[in-house]
Amino acid sequence: MTTPVTIIGAGLGGLTLARVLHVHGIPATVYEAEASPTARSQGGMLDIHDYNGQLAVRAAGLMDEFRGLVLEGRQALRGLDRAGNVLFEKADDGTGGRPEVQRGELRQMLLDSLPADTVRWGHKVSGTRSLGEGRHEVTFADGSTVVTSLLVGADGAWSRVRPVLSTAGPEYAGTSFVETYLFDADTRHPAAAKVVGGGSMVAGDQGKRLIGAQREKGETLHVYAMLSEPLDWFDGIDFTDPATAAARISEAFDGWAPELTALITESDTAPVLRPLYTLPAGHRWDRVPGVTLVGDAAHLIPPNGEGANLAMLDGAELGEALAAHPGDIETALSAYEQAMFPRSAEQLATAEDPDNPTLGDVINFFAQEERNS
């Protein structure tokens, strides 16, 4: 079977691409390894920026639907020291350009905007190969294959499409998140809820540890304990024993205010280790006919508030380039890549906006303080 546009990965970048193509009357098929849209949690909140992510939403014709997802007040942000003292605080005055939405709801918005048969669930890619003349074959874990005249890797950090274009692979960034959740926080975890406030909070000191938290829908606190340790340090923690793992992680924050460490020790879920990986700075590739990448498959960095926004903008701009050059895939791919390479490098280097900071910006602030200490 040969298809005109094959997208690997039903994340935000791949779905934005599919939606923009649909708006322009161009059919595409998205293959996703997950068994269904609800196969796993889609993560926490995202701040969608008016200079990249919202441009993608607008290109997809979904601004009204997007506005309906915005969580009012969640742009509020505070930074604390390890004793719980507030170092800086910014309220959500409703005029910022980075409204917060739930990642899962944003993804569902995109899914709902596509024809029902666009996404093929349960299709895990085992390999890709070039057939020449811009055509590629994708092989799935069940042994089935598809041949396409345009292959787009939107399959994240461990992309199975990237090897067609580049020998680069993810490398450990030296830092990991340990993720926890506190539910019904205002009622059941009042001290932790108070220290987080109405939006996002990050606490840090001159060291290698940070605790960040976001207030999601209702009274849910989504927490990230960030530790700059080698992977073998985490190998010594038994994450199959939630109580022991939480206690071990909290020991790394010994001496911190109890309302901060409660974000770890009072978790209502088992702590989950999230190692952070990167691709080489300025990652790019020579033009290969019939294939390209979007999002983390193309430019992977630790979380700083830009990753999802850039993935969506990649998808939107690739879709618009293909629509602008009907029948000329190579011209469209060249135009997309020539804009994407410098844009991603520049925006990732200058993400911080001192007048409207995000959780990622505060993490970067503390990380810079650590480098300077």
Foldseek 3Di string as FASTA:
>chain_A
DEDAAEEEALALLRLLLQLLLVVLVHAYAYEYQAQDLVSDAPDFKAFAAPVFQVVSCVSSVNVVVVVVQFDPFQLWEFEAALQLHTPDTDTCPPPHGTTMGTRSSSSVSSCVSDPVRRYDYNWAWPAKDDPDPQKIWTATPVGDIYIYSAYEYAPAQQTRQLVVWDPWHWDFPQKKKWKFKDPPCVPPPVLLLVSQPRHKYKYYDQDFWIKIWGQGPDRMIIIIIMGRHDPVVVVVFDLVDQQRNLVVSLVVSPPGHPSRSCRRNVGPDRIDMGTAIWTPQLDDGDDDRRYDYAFNSGGGDGDQSCRSSRSSNLSSQLSVLCSVDPPCNSSSVVVSRVVSRVVVNVCVVVVADVVRGGPSNVVVVNVVVNVVD
